[in-house]
Amino acid sequence: MIDIRNISKQIVNGDGFTVSELTAAINDLDHVPGRIGSLNIFDEKGITTTDLKIEYKNGVVKLVHSGQRGSDGQPLSENGKRKLLTFSTLHLKQFDTILADSLQNVRPFGGQTDDDCVMDEVNSRLELMRKNNEATIELQKAGALVGKIIEPDGTVAVDLFEKFDITQEIDTLDLTKPGTLRRQIRKAKAAARAELKVPHVTKWRALCGPDFYDDILENPDVKESYLRFKEGQVLRDDVDSISFAGVTWEEYDAVVDEQRFVASDEAILIPEYNGLCITRYAPADYNETVNTSGIAHYSKMEPLEMDRGFKIEAQSNPISIVTVPKAIRRLNLKKA
């Protein structure tokens, strides 16, 4: 049988099931990203503070690095109006308990030790908690792309356009003018590049609401583009994405609390440009982790009162933002 008292002693004495061991375990679990996460358009790094600070001047963003207290800080740009914007990380924390009774009559199998048996149970709890946190991070990233970072209950945590004191612009693609769709898309791409202040972007993606996507598929310009491709097979098949005018167009139908991230009749055009979309992770609020560079997931474990089992906690402290919100273009359609 498992010696529960020995496991508790290890935790109290720091001889086993430490923050570093459990944190390594939760980060090593298999990860199935959501659609936004799988696109890899968000640059993910750790920070040593609980806030992300950026300098914003004339539409150009510069990340502000943390420094030693009492030392000279990072100089701001000398010319032009500038703002120092602060974004607080989201503190995602969950806990679960493993009661001593749940380990009653559990025997190590084969070459397993008592620690292995307990760790199997711990991992099963950590896996679920990690999935919950990953879903919330996906929600945060999707919100950042449309300019509003929302909480899991649907309330707006950060309005990026309000934070940057700018107004979101809408580019209308006029479908009533045949033969002009490519030119109109190029115009929207040029507007995004102008906001980024770069001459060239190598990769573009548009996340489309269902109605917008259907209308794009039915557009004569798009149909003409695919008629010669495998004898129009793409247009006959039920496809979730197409490439047109140098942009990958895909249907994105994410809904949270009955609210769509992208309206059914709209799309967002994303230049996949390094540093535009970022996620930063703050350290956990443990003695062992404060002032260290944050990582995606943390876990800690402690004995319950009266040694009735163990309490397990998992947490993540992310903030996801778009550093140049107007570079992501909101698109709608004009139809006859």
C-alpha atoms as a PDB file:
ATOM      1  CA  MET A   1       0.000   0.000   0.000  1.00  0.00           C
ATOM      2  CA  ILE A   2       1.060   3.613  -0.531  1.00  0.00           C
ATOM      3  CA  ASP A   3       2.704   5.217   2.498  1.00  0.00           C
ATOM      4  CA  ILE A   4       0.766   8.519   2.564  1.00  0.00           C
ATOM      5  CA  ARG A   5       2.632   9.768   5.641  1.00  0.00           C
ATOM      6  CA  ASN A   6       5.937   9.535   3.813  1.00  0.00           C
ATOM      7  CA  ILE A   7       4.558  11.522   0.861  1.00  0.00           C
ATOM      8  CA  SER A   8       3.369  14.272   3.242  1.00  0.00           C
ATOM      9  CA  LYS A   9       6.766  14.343   4.931  1.00  0.00           C
ATOM     10  CA  GLN A  10       8.496  14.765   1.557  1.00  0.00           C
ATOM     11  CA  ILE A  11       6.278  17.728   0.671  1.00  0.00           C
ATOM     12  CA  VAL A  12       6.792  19.468   4.024  1.00  0.00           C
ATOM     13  CA  ASN A  13      10.559  18.913   3.985  1.00  0.00           C
ATOM     14  CA  GLY A  14      10.933  19.856   0.326  1.00  0.00           C
ATOM     15  CA  ASP A  15      12.334  16.429  -0.507  1.00  0.00           C
ATOM     16  CA  GLY A  16       9.765  15.638  -3.183  1.00  0.00           C
ATOM     17  CA  PHE A  17       6.797  17.038  -5.117  1.00  0.00           C
ATOM     18  CA  THR A  18       8.425  20.480  -5.122  1.00  0.00           C
ATOM     19  CA  VAL A  19       7.290  23.520  -7.101  1.00  0.00           C
ATOM     20  CA  SER A  20      10.032  22.931  -9.655  1.00  0.00           C
ATOM     21  CA  GLU A  21       9.116  19.247 -10.055  1.00  0.00           C
ATOM     22  CA  LEU A  22       5.370  19.851 -10.326  1.00  0.00           C
ATOM     23  CA  THR A  23       5.848  22.861 -12.602  1.00  0.00           C
ATOM     24  CA  ALA A  24       8.024  20.757 -14.890  1.00  0.00           C
ATOM     25  CA  ALA A  25       5.337  18.073 -14.844  1.00  0.00           C
ATOM     26  CA  ILE A  26       2.472  20.375 -15.843  1.00  0.00           C
ATOM     27  CA  ASN A  27       4.519  21.980 -18.621  1.00  0.00           C
ATOM     28  CA  ASP A  28       5.525  18.552 -19.960  1.00  0.00           C
ATOM     29  CA  LEU A  29       1.938  17.361 -20.358  1.00  0.00           C
ATOM     30  CA  ASP A  30       0.650  16.968 -23.907  1.00  0.00           C
ATOM     31  CA  HIS A  31      -0.607  20.275 -25.288  1.00  0.00           C
ATOM     32  CA  VAL A  32      -3.436  20.570 -27.815  1.00  0.00           C
ATOM     33  CA  PRO A  33      -3.618  24.254 -28.798  1.00  0.00           C
ATOM     34  CA  GLY A  34      -6.752  26.049 -29.880  1.00  0.00           C
ATOM     35  CA  ARG A  35      -6.985  27.493 -33.374  1.00  0.00           C
ATOM     36  CA  ILE A  36      -5.319  30.798 -32.480  1.00  0.00           C
ATOM     37  CA  GLY A  37      -2.569  29.021 -30.572  1.00  0.00           C
ATOM     38  CA  SER A  38      -1.929  26.614 -33.436  1.00  0.00           C
ATOM     39  CA  LEU A  39      -1.324  29.506 -35.839  1.00  0.00           C
ATOM     40  CA  ASN A  40       1.759  30.531 -33.822  1.00  0.00           C
ATOM     41  CA  ILE A  41       1.160  34.213 -34.507  1.00  0.00           C
ATOM     42  CA  PHE A  42       1.670  35.186 -30.854  1.00  0.00           C
ATOM     43  CA  ASP A  43       5.266  35.501 -29.676  1.00  0.00           C
ATOM     44  CA  GLU A  44       5.390  33.978 -26.171  1.00  0.00           C
ATOM     45  CA  LYS A  45       8.000  34.896 -23.555  1.00  0.00           C
ATOM     46  CA  GLY A  46       8.342  35.274 -19.813  1.00  0.00           C
ATOM     47  CA  ILE A  47       8.643  38.506 -17.825  1.00  0.00           C
ATOM     48  CA  THR A  48       9.856  39.001 -14.251  1.00  0.00           C
ATOM     49  CA  THR A  49       7.045  41.379 -13.247  1.00  0.00           C
ATOM     50  CA  THR A  50       3.269  41.090 -13.021  1.00  0.00           C
ATOM     51  CA  ASP A  51       2.745  43.924 -15.530  1.00  0.00           C
ATOM     52  CA  LEU A  52       3.809  44.403 -19.137  1.00  0.00           C
ATOM     53  CA  LYS A  53       4.938  47.932 -19.976  1.00  0.00           C
ATOM     54  CA  ILE A  54       5.272  49.303 -23.487  1.00  0.00           C
ATOM     55  CA  GLU A  55       6.215  52.707 -24.843  1.00  0.00           C
ATOM     56  CA  TYR A  56       3.907  53.955 -27.571  1.00  0.00           C
ATOM     57  CA  LYS A  57       4.868  56.917 -29.765  1.00  0.00           C
ATOM     58  CA  ASN A  58       3.623  57.925 -33.201  1.00  0.00           C
ATOM     59  CA  GLY A  59       2.173  54.467 -33.710  1.00  0.00           C
ATOM     60  CA  VAL A  60       5.462  52.726 -32.909  1.00  0.00           C
ATOM     61  CA  VAL A  61       5.704  50.386 -29.939  1.00  0.00           C
ATOM     62  CA  LYS A  62       8.798  49.581 -27.906  1.00  0.00           C
ATOM     63  CA  LEU A  63       8.744  47.021 -25.113  1.00  0.00           C
ATOM     64  CA  VAL A  64      10.116  48.267 -21.793  1.00  0.00           C
ATOM     65  CA  HIS A  65      12.399  45.775 -20.086  1.00  0.00           C
ATOM     66  CA  SER A  66      12.491  45.328 -16.328  1.00  0.00           C
ATOM     67  CA  GLY A  67      15.597  46.438 -14.451  1.00  0.00           C
ATOM     68  CA  GLN A  68      17.155  46.418 -11.011  1.00  0.00           C
ATOM     69  CA  ARG A  69      15.397  48.607  -8.464  1.00  0.00           C
ATOM     70  CA  GLY A  70      17.347  51.809  -7.861  1.00  0.00           C
ATOM     71  CA  SER A  71      19.192  51.611 -11.189  1.00  0.00           C
ATOM     72  CA  ASP A  72      18.748  53.880 -14.200  1.00  0.00           C
ATOM     73  CA  GLY A  73      15.736  52.917 -16.254  1.00  0.00           C
ATOM     74  CA  GLN A  74      15.372  52.416 -19.973  1.00  0.00           C
ATOM     75  CA  PRO A  75      15.379  55.866 -21.654  1.00  0.00           C
ATOM     76  CA  LEU A  76      12.277  56.977 -23.475  1.00  0.00           C
ATOM     77  CA  SER A  77      12.540  58.316 -27.000  1.00  0.00           C
ATOM     78  CA  GLU A  78      13.552  61.947 -26.987  1.00  0.00           C
ATOM     79  CA  ASN A  79      11.240  63.397 -29.611  1.00  0.00           C
ATOM     80  CA  GLY A  80       7.493  63.363 -30.166  1.00  0.00           C
ATOM     81  CA  LYS A  81       4.554  62.527 -27.970  1.00  0.00           C
ATOM     82  CA  ARG A  82       4.831  59.254 -26.144  1.00  0.00           C
ATOM     83  CA  LYS A  83       2.832  57.147 -23.741  1.00  0.00           C
ATOM     84  CA  LEU A  84       3.880  54.476 -21.318  1.00  0.00           C
ATOM     85  CA  LEU A  85       1.137  51.864 -21.263  1.00  0.00           C
ATOM     86  CA  THR A  86       0.795  49.200 -18.593  1.00  0.00           C
ATOM     87  CA  PHE A  87      -1.037  45.903 -19.069  1.00  0.00           C
ATOM     88  CA  SER A  88      -1.660  43.688 -16.050  1.00  0.00           C
ATOM     89  CA  THR A  89      -1.306  39.949 -16.457  1.00  0.00           C
ATOM     90  CA  LEU A  90      -4.333  37.764 -15.860  1.00  0.00           C
ATOM     91  CA  HIS A  91      -4.019  35.555 -12.774  1.00  0.00           C
ATOM     92  CA  LEU A  92      -5.485  32.152 -13.665  1.00  0.00           C
ATOM     93  CA  LYS A  93      -5.520  29.881 -10.648  1.00  0.00           C
ATOM     94  CA  GLN A  94      -7.257  26.573  -9.956  1.00  0.00           C
ATOM     95  CA  PHE A  95      -6.978  23.995  -7.233  1.00  0.00           C
ATOM     96  CA  ASP A  96      -8.031  20.438  -6.593  1.00  0.00           C
ATOM     97  CA  THR A  97      -7.685  17.996  -3.731  1.00  0.00           C
ATOM     98  CA  ILE A  98      -6.533  14.414  -3.529  1.00  0.00           C
ATOM     99  CA  LEU A  99      -8.065  12.915  -0.420  1.00  0.00           C
ATOM    100  CA  ALA A 100      -6.180  10.245   1.457  1.00  0.00           C
ATOM    101  CA  ASP A 101      -9.197   7.974   1.077  1.00  0.00           C
ATOM    102  CA  SER A 102      -8.863   8.118  -2.716  1.00  0.00           C
ATOM    103  CA  LEU A 103      -5.451   6.450  -2.424  1.00  0.00           C
ATOM    104  CA  GLN A 104      -6.756   3.755  -0.101  1.00  0.00           C
ATOM    105  CA  ASN A 105      -5.951   0.232  -1.344  1.00  0.00           C
ATOM    106  CA  VAL A 106      -3.888   1.567  -4.273  1.00  0.00           C
ATOM    107  CA  ARG A 107      -0.867  -0.651  -4.865  1.00  0.00           C
ATOM    108  CA  PRO A 108       2.236   0.226  -6.886  1.00  0.00           C
ATOM    109  CA  PHE A 109       2.309  -1.778 -10.106  1.00  0.00           C
ATOM    110  CA  GLY A 110       5.432  -3.477 -11.427  1.00  0.00           C
ATOM    111  CA  GLY A 111       8.424  -1.227 -10.818  1.00  0.00           C
ATOM    112  CA  GLN A 112       6.320   1.707  -9.615  1.00  0.00           C
ATOM    113  CA  THR A 113       7.133   3.423  -6.338  1.00  0.00           C
ATOM    114  CA  ASP A 114       4.697   5.125  -3.972  1.00  0.00           C
ATOM    115  CA  ASP A 115       5.796   8.436  -5.471  1.00  0.00           C
ATOM    116  CA  ASP A 116       4.956   7.177  -8.964  1.00  0.00           C
ATOM    117  CA  CYS A 117       1.429   6.205  -7.920  1.00  0.00           C
ATOM    118  CA  VAL A 118       0.746   9.578  -6.335  1.00  0.00           C
ATOM    119  CA  MET A 119       2.275  11.388  -9.311  1.00  0.00           C
ATOM    120  CA  ASP A 120      -0.038   9.525 -11.699  1.00  0.00           C
ATOM    121  CA  GLU A 121      -2.996  10.874  -9.753  1.00  0.00           C
ATOM    122  CA  VAL A 122      -1.467  14.352  -9.591  1.00  0.00           C
ATOM    123  CA  ASN A 123      -0.864  14.385 -13.352  1.00  0.00           C
ATOM    124  CA  SER A 124      -4.470  13.465 -14.096  1.00  0.00           C
ATOM    125  CA  ARG A 125      -5.616  16.523 -12.095  1.00  0.00           C
ATOM    126  CA  LEU A 126      -2.930  18.785 -13.583  1.00  0.00           C
ATOM    127  CA  GLU A 127      -3.913  17.789 -17.109  1.00  0.00           C
ATOM    128  CA  LEU A 128      -7.471  19.036 -16.642  1.00  0.00           C
ATOM    129  CA  MET A 129      -6.364  22.256 -14.939  1.00  0.00           C
ATOM    130  CA  ARG A 130      -3.858  22.960 -17.696  1.00  0.00           C
ATOM    131  CA  LYS A 131      -6.536  22.456 -20.356  1.00  0.00           C
ATOM    132  CA  ASN A 132      -8.782  24.942 -18.551  1.00  0.00           C
ATOM    133  CA  ASN A 133      -5.995  27.521 -18.396  1.00  0.00           C
ATOM    134  CA  GLU A 134      -5.065  26.940 -22.035  1.00  0.00           C
ATOM    135  CA  ALA A 135      -8.670  27.542 -23.079  1.00  0.00           C
ATOM    136  CA  THR A 136      -8.663  30.834 -21.183  1.00  0.00           C
ATOM    137  CA  ILE A 137      -5.368  31.884 -22.800  1.00  0.00           C
ATOM    138  CA  GLU A 138      -6.888  31.090 -26.206  1.00  0.00           C
ATOM    139  CA  LEU A 139      -9.832  33.302 -25.267  1.00  0.00           C
ATOM    140  CA  GLN A 140      -7.446  36.110 -24.346  1.00  0.00           C
ATOM    141  CA  LYS A 141      -5.528  35.824 -27.635  1.00  0.00           C
ATOM    142  CA  ALA A 142      -8.701  35.835 -29.708  1.00  0.00           C
ATOM    143  CA  GLY A 143      -9.907  38.904 -27.832  1.00  0.00           C
ATOM    144  CA  ALA A 144      -6.614  40.693 -28.446  1.00  0.00           C
ATOM    145  CA  LEU A 145      -6.946  40.110 -32.198  1.00  0.00           C
ATOM    146  CA  VAL A 146     -10.319  41.865 -32.324  1.00  0.00           C
ATOM    147  CA  GLY A 147      -9.210  44.622 -29.947  1.00  0.00           C
ATOM    148  CA  LYS A 148     -11.045  43.597 -26.794  1.00  0.00           C
ATOM    149  CA  ILE A 149      -9.474  41.287 -24.229  1.00  0.00           C
ATOM    150  CA  ILE A 150     -12.331  39.675 -22.371  1.00  0.00           C
ATOM    151  CA  GLU A 151     -12.702  37.796 -19.119  1.00  0.00           C
ATOM    152  CA  PRO A 152     -14.152  34.267 -19.100  1.00  0.00           C
ATOM    153  CA  ASP A 153     -17.515  35.733 -18.016  1.00  0.00           C
ATOM    154  CA  GLY A 154     -17.611  37.921 -21.135  1.00  0.00           C
ATOM    155  CA  THR A 155     -16.772  41.267 -19.526  1.00  0.00           C
ATOM    156  CA  VAL A 156     -14.178  43.428 -21.275  1.00  0.00           C
ATOM    157  CA  ALA A 157     -10.900  43.460 -19.341  1.00  0.00           C
ATOM    158  CA  VAL A 158      -8.970  45.668 -21.774  1.00  0.00           C
ATOM    159  CA  ASP A 159     -10.189  47.615 -24.794  1.00  0.00           C
ATOM    160  CA  LEU A 160      -6.981  47.971 -26.802  1.00  0.00           C
ATOM    161  CA  PHE A 161      -8.295  50.816 -28.948  1.00  0.00           C
ATOM    162  CA  GLU A 162      -9.328  52.731 -25.851  1.00  0.00           C
ATOM    163  CA  LYS A 163      -5.999  51.943 -24.185  1.00  0.00           C
ATOM    164  CA  PHE A 164      -4.016  53.225 -27.177  1.00  0.00           C
ATOM    165  CA  ASP A 165      -6.465  56.142 -27.588  1.00  0.00           C
ATOM    166  CA  ILE A 166      -7.142  55.304 -31.229  1.00  0.00           C
ATOM    167  CA  THR A 167     -10.231  54.507 -33.296  1.00  0.00           C
ATOM    168  CA  GLN A 168     -10.702  51.186 -35.025  1.00  0.00           C
ATOM    169  CA  GLU A 169     -11.090  51.480 -38.783  1.00  0.00           C
ATOM    170  CA  ILE A 170     -13.225  49.301 -41.041  1.00  0.00           C
ATOM    171  CA  ASP A 171     -12.228  48.458 -44.609  1.00  0.00           C
ATOM    172  CA  THR A 172     -15.190  47.671 -46.838  1.00  0.00           C
ATOM    173  CA  LEU A 173     -14.725  45.253 -49.725  1.00  0.00           C
ATOM    174  CA  ASP A 174     -17.223  46.197 -52.431  1.00  0.00           C
ATOM    175  CA  LEU A 175     -18.491  43.013 -54.076  1.00  0.00           C
ATOM    176  CA  THR A 176     -20.688  44.995 -56.490  1.00  0.00           C
ATOM    177  CA  LYS A 177     -17.632  45.939 -58.559  1.00  0.00           C
ATOM    178  CA  PRO A 178     -16.532  42.837 -60.490  1.00  0.00           C
ATOM    179  CA  GLY A 179     -12.858  42.377 -61.183  1.00  0.00           C
ATOM    180  CA  THR A 180     -11.714  44.703 -58.385  1.00  0.00           C
ATOM    181  CA  LEU A 181     -11.560  42.444 -55.326  1.00  0.00           C
ATOM    182  CA  ARG A 182      -7.812  41.835 -55.534  1.00  0.00           C
ATOM    183  CA  ARG A 183      -7.129  45.560 -55.752  1.00  0.00           C
ATOM    184  CA  GLN A 184      -9.362  46.257 -52.757  1.00  0.00           C
ATOM    185  CA  ILE A 185      -7.590  43.595 -50.704  1.00  0.00           C
ATOM    186  CA  ARG A 186      -4.213  45.046 -51.667  1.00  0.00           C
ATOM    187  CA  LYS A 187      -5.446  48.419 -50.421  1.00  0.00           C
ATOM    188  CA  ALA A 188      -6.366  46.912 -47.031  1.00  0.00           C
ATOM    189  CA  LYS A 189      -2.957  45.230 -46.844  1.00  0.00           C
ATOM    190  CA  ALA A 190      -1.254  48.531 -47.646  1.00  0.00           C
ATOM    191  CA  ALA A 191      -3.141  50.191 -44.781  1.00  0.00           C
ATOM    192  CA  ALA A 192      -1.909  47.490 -42.395  1.00  0.00           C
ATOM    193  CA  ARG A 193       1.688  47.891 -43.579  1.00  0.00           C
ATOM    194  CA  ALA A 194       1.409  51.650 -43.110  1.00  0.00           C
ATOM    195  CA  GLU A 195       0.405  51.128 -39.475  1.00  0.00           C
ATOM    196  CA  LEU A 196       3.326  48.729 -38.989  1.00  0.00           C
ATOM    197  CA  LYS A 197       5.620  51.189 -40.799  1.00  0.00           C
ATOM    198  CA  VAL A 198       7.167  48.380 -42.839  1.00  0.00           C
ATOM    199  CA  PRO A 199       7.403  48.006 -46.630  1.00  0.00           C
ATOM    200  CA  HIS A 200       6.722  44.288 -46.814  1.00  0.00           C
ATOM    201  CA  VAL A 201       4.866  41.519 -44.977  1.00  0.00           C
ATOM    202  CA  THR A 202       5.461  37.964 -46.151  1.00  0.00           C
ATOM    203  CA  LYS A 203       2.364  36.252 -44.768  1.00  0.00           C
ATOM    204  CA  TRP A 204      -1.259  37.302 -44.360  1.00  0.00           C
ATOM    205  CA  ARG A 205      -4.267  35.579 -42.805  1.00  0.00           C
ATOM    206  CA  ALA A 206      -7.934  36.533 -42.569  1.00  0.00           C
ATOM    207  CA  LEU A 207     -10.211  35.027 -39.933  1.00  0.00           C
ATOM    208  CA  CYS A 208     -13.727  35.217 -41.331  1.00  0.00           C
ATOM    209  CA  GLY A 209     -17.194  35.003 -39.877  1.00  0.00           C
ATOM    210  CA  PRO A 210     -19.320  32.273 -41.528  1.00  0.00           C
ATOM    211  CA  ASP A 211     -21.407  34.591 -43.736  1.00  0.00           C
ATOM    212  CA  PHE A 212     -18.364  36.611 -44.810  1.00  0.00           C
ATOM    213  CA  TYR A 213     -16.508  33.432 -45.729  1.00  0.00           C
ATOM    214  CA  ASP A 214     -19.426  32.093 -47.782  1.00  0.00           C
ATOM    215  CA  ASP A 215     -19.695  35.386 -49.677  1.00  0.00           C
ATOM    216  CA  ILE A 216     -15.967  35.380 -50.445  1.00  0.00           C
ATOM    217  CA  LEU A 217     -16.202  31.807 -51.765  1.00  0.00           C
ATOM    218  CA  GLU A 218     -19.097  32.793 -54.030  1.00  0.00           C
ATOM    219  CA  ASN A 219     -17.406  35.912 -55.398  1.00  0.00           C
ATOM    220  CA  PRO A 220     -16.746  35.659 -59.178  1.00  0.00           C
ATOM    221  CA  ASP A 221     -13.153  36.882 -58.780  1.00  0.00           C
ATOM    222  CA  VAL A 222     -12.415  34.093 -56.321  1.00  0.00           C
ATOM    223  CA  LYS A 223     -14.254  31.499 -58.391  1.00  0.00           C
ATOM    224  CA  GLU A 224     -12.297  32.471 -61.483  1.00  0.00           C
ATOM    225  CA  SER A 225      -9.069  32.050 -59.534  1.00  0.00           C
ATOM    226  CA  TYR A 226      -9.929  28.439 -58.688  1.00  0.00           C
ATOM    227  CA  LEU A 227     -11.699  27.271 -61.838  1.00  0.00           C
ATOM    228  CA  ARG A 228      -8.486  25.877 -63.312  1.00  0.00           C
ATOM    229  CA  PHE A 229      -7.273  24.344 -60.068  1.00  0.00           C
ATOM    230  CA  LYS A 230      -8.061  20.623 -60.288  1.00  0.00           C
ATOM    231  CA  GLU A 231     -11.052  21.573 -62.444  1.00  0.00           C
ATOM    232  CA  GLY A 232     -12.607  23.670 -59.693  1.00  0.00           C
ATOM    233  CA  GLN A 233     -12.419  20.990 -57.011  1.00  0.00           C
ATOM    234  CA  VAL A 234     -11.815  23.553 -54.247  1.00  0.00           C
ATOM    235  CA  LEU A 235     -15.090  25.296 -55.023  1.00  0.00           C
ATOM    236  CA  ARG A 236     -17.028  22.023 -55.001  1.00  0.00           C
ATOM    237  CA  ASP A 237     -15.561  20.731 -51.755  1.00  0.00           C
ATOM    238  CA  ASP A 238     -16.509  21.901 -48.266  1.00  0.00           C
ATOM    239  CA  VAL A 239     -13.280  23.745 -47.481  1.00  0.00           C
ATOM    240  CA  ASP A 240     -12.404  25.700 -44.350  1.00  0.00           C
ATOM    241  CA  SER A 241      -9.709  27.862 -45.948  1.00  0.00           C
ATOM    242  CA  ILE A 242      -8.620  29.203 -49.323  1.00  0.00           C
ATOM    243  CA  SER A 243      -5.781  31.364 -50.608  1.00  0.00           C
ATOM    244  CA  PHE A 244      -6.612  34.480 -52.607  1.00  0.00           C
ATOM    245  CA  ALA A 245      -4.759  37.753 -53.263  1.00  0.00           C
ATOM    246  CA  GLY A 246      -1.850  36.606 -51.130  1.00  0.00           C
ATOM    247  CA  VAL A 247      -4.094  36.019 -48.103  1.00  0.00           C
ATOM    248  CA  THR A 248      -5.164  32.761 -46.467  1.00  0.00           C
ATOM    249  CA  TRP A 249      -8.884  33.136 -45.784  1.00  0.00           C
ATOM    250  CA  GLU A 250     -10.391  30.778 -43.231  1.00  0.00           C
ATOM    251  CA  GLU A 251     -13.677  30.458 -41.412  1.00  0.00           C
ATOM    252  CA  TYR A 252     -13.421  31.278 -37.708  1.00  0.00           C
ATOM    253  CA  ASP A 253     -16.614  30.639 -35.814  1.00  0.00           C
ATOM    254  CA  ALA A 254     -15.533  30.944 -32.174  1.00  0.00           C
ATOM    255  CA  VAL A 255     -18.323  31.870 -29.759  1.00  0.00           C
ATOM    256  CA  VAL A 256     -18.054  32.672 -26.048  1.00  0.00           C
ATOM    257  CA  ASP A 257     -21.114  33.381 -23.911  1.00  0.00           C
ATOM    258  CA  GLU A 258     -23.200  33.556 -27.123  1.00  0.00           C
ATOM    259  CA  GLN A 259     -20.937  36.321 -28.451  1.00  0.00           C
ATOM    260  CA  ARG A 260     -18.825  35.845 -31.575  1.00  0.00           C
ATOM    261  CA  PHE A 261     -15.255  37.088 -31.639  1.00  0.00           C
ATOM    262  CA  VAL A 262     -15.613  37.859 -35.331  1.00  0.00           C
ATOM    263  CA  ALA A 263     -19.078  38.950 -36.485  1.00  0.00           C
ATOM    264  CA  SER A 264     -20.688  36.550 -38.913  1.00  0.00           C
ATOM    265  CA  ASP A 265     -20.550  39.109 -41.742  1.00  0.00           C
ATOM    266  CA  GLU A 266     -17.037  40.437 -40.991  1.00  0.00           C
ATOM    267  CA  ALA A 267     -13.398  39.317 -41.018  1.00  0.00           C
ATOM    268  CA  ILE A 268     -10.108  40.428 -39.515  1.00  0.00           C
ATOM    269  CA  LEU A 269      -7.036  40.683 -41.729  1.00  0.00           C
ATOM    270  CA  ILE A 270      -3.841  39.816 -39.849  1.00  0.00           C
ATOM    271  CA  PRO A 271      -0.318  40.557 -41.060  1.00  0.00           C
ATOM    272  CA  GLU A 272       1.797  37.766 -39.575  1.00  0.00           C
ATOM    273  CA  TYR A 273       4.617  40.056 -38.518  1.00  0.00           C
ATOM    274  CA  ASN A 274       7.112  39.427 -35.725  1.00  0.00           C
ATOM    275  CA  GLY A 275       6.271  41.369 -32.571  1.00  0.00           C
ATOM    276  CA  LEU A 276       2.758  42.377 -33.602  1.00  0.00           C
ATOM    277  CA  CYS A 277       0.976  39.788 -31.447  1.00  0.00           C
ATOM    278  CA  ILE A 278       2.631  38.946 -28.139  1.00  0.00           C
ATOM    279  CA  THR A 279       1.892  36.889 -25.039  1.00  0.00           C
ATOM    280  CA  ARG A 280       3.889  37.454 -21.882  1.00  0.00           C
ATOM    281  CA  TYR A 281       3.846  35.245 -18.788  1.00  0.00           C
ATOM    282  CA  ALA A 282       4.447  36.609 -15.297  1.00  0.00           C
ATOM    283  CA  PRO A 283       5.915  34.406 -12.546  1.00  0.00           C
ATOM    284  CA  ALA A 284       3.680  32.627 -10.053  1.00  0.00           C
ATOM    285  CA  ASP A 285       3.059  34.203  -6.658  1.00  0.00           C
ATOM    286  CA  TYR A 286       5.153  31.638  -4.763  1.00  0.00           C
ATOM    287  CA  ASN A 287       8.228  32.297  -2.638  1.00  0.00           C
ATOM    288  CA  GLU A 288      10.175  30.082  -5.015  1.00  0.00           C
ATOM    289  CA  THR A 289       9.207  31.976  -8.187  1.00  0.00           C
ATOM    290  CA  VAL A 290       8.902  35.704  -7.476  1.00  0.00           C
ATOM    291  CA  ASN A 291      11.359  37.828  -9.474  1.00  0.00           C
ATOM    292  CA  THR A 292      12.103  34.951 -11.838  1.00  0.00           C
ATOM    293  CA  SER A 293      11.195  34.959 -15.519  1.00  0.00           C
ATOM    294  CA  GLY A 294       7.674  33.651 -15.942  1.00  0.00           C
ATOM    295  CA  ILE A 295       6.711  30.477 -17.773  1.00  0.00           C
ATOM    296  CA  ALA A 296       3.373  29.313 -19.110  1.00  0.00           C
ATOM    297  CA  HIS A 297       2.235  27.064 -16.240  1.00  0.00           C
ATOM    298  CA  TYR A 298       3.021  26.536 -12.565  1.00  0.00           C
ATOM    299  CA  SER A 299       1.931  24.004  -9.983  1.00  0.00           C
ATOM    300  CA  LYS A 300       2.329  23.530  -6.255  1.00  0.00           C
ATOM    301  CA  MET A 301       1.148  20.945  -3.728  1.00  0.00           C
ATOM    302  CA  GLU A 302       0.721  20.907   0.044  1.00  0.00           C
ATOM    303  CA  PRO A 303      -0.763  18.563   2.661  1.00  0.00           C
ATOM    304  CA  LEU A 304      -4.339  19.182   3.746  1.00  0.00           C
ATOM    305  CA  GLU A 305      -5.150  20.063   7.336  1.00  0.00           C
ATOM    306  CA  MET A 306      -4.915  17.066   9.651  1.00  0.00           C
ATOM    307  CA  ASP A 307      -3.069  15.190   6.868  1.00  0.00           C
ATOM    308  CA  ARG A 308      -6.300  14.211   5.135  1.00  0.00           C
ATOM    309  CA  GLY A 309      -4.704  14.333   1.705  1.00  0.00           C
ATOM    310  CA  PHE A 310      -3.170  16.942  -0.552  1.00  0.00           C
ATOM    311  CA  LYS A 311      -4.144  20.214  -2.163  1.00  0.00           C
ATOM    312  CA  ILE A 312      -2.853  20.830  -5.699  1.00  0.00           C
ATOM    313  CA  GLU A 313      -2.787  24.216  -7.368  1.00  0.00           C
ATOM    314  CA  ALA A 314      -2.135  25.111 -10.995  1.00  0.00           C
ATOM    315  CA  GLN A 315      -1.771  28.635 -12.271  1.00  0.00           C
ATOM    316  CA  SER A 316      -0.826  30.716 -15.290  1.00  0.00           C
ATOM    317  CA  ASN A 317      -0.306  34.474 -15.478  1.00  0.00           C
ATOM    318  CA  PRO A 318      -0.601  35.603 -19.116  1.00  0.00           C
ATOM    319  CA  ILE A 319      -1.254  38.834 -20.948  1.00  0.00           C
ATOM    320  CA  SER A 320      -1.819  38.774 -24.700  1.00  0.00           C
ATOM    321  CA  ILE A 321      -1.953  41.990 -26.699  1.00  0.00           C
ATOM    322  CA  VAL A 322      -1.611  43.331 -30.213  1.00  0.00           C
ATOM    323  CA  THR A 323       1.072  46.005 -30.077  1.00  0.00           C
ATOM    324  CA  VAL A 324      -0.242  47.916 -33.117  1.00  0.00           C
ATOM    325  CA  PRO A 325      -4.023  47.370 -33.008  1.00  0.00           C
ATOM    326  CA  LYS A 326      -4.782  49.244 -36.258  1.00  0.00           C
ATOM    327  CA  ALA A 327      -2.425  46.942 -38.182  1.00  0.00           C
ATOM    328  CA  ILE A 328      -5.096  44.265 -37.869  1.00  0.00           C
ATOM    329  CA  ARG A 329      -7.775  45.379 -40.292  1.00  0.00           C
ATOM    330  CA  ARG A 330     -11.469  44.859 -39.709  1.00  0.00           C
ATOM    331  CA  LEU A 331     -13.217  43.939 -42.952  1.00  0.00           C
ATOM    332  CA  ASN A 332     -16.845  43.957 -44.008  1.00  0.00           C
ATOM    333  CA  LEU A 333     -18.598  43.533 -47.341  1.00  0.00           C
ATOM    334  CA  LYS A 334     -20.785  45.680 -49.540  1.00  0.00           C
ATOM    335  CA  LYS A 335     -23.225  43.505 -51.438  1.00  0.00           C
ATOM    336  CA  ALA A 336     -25.863  44.299 -54.016  1.00  0.00           C
END
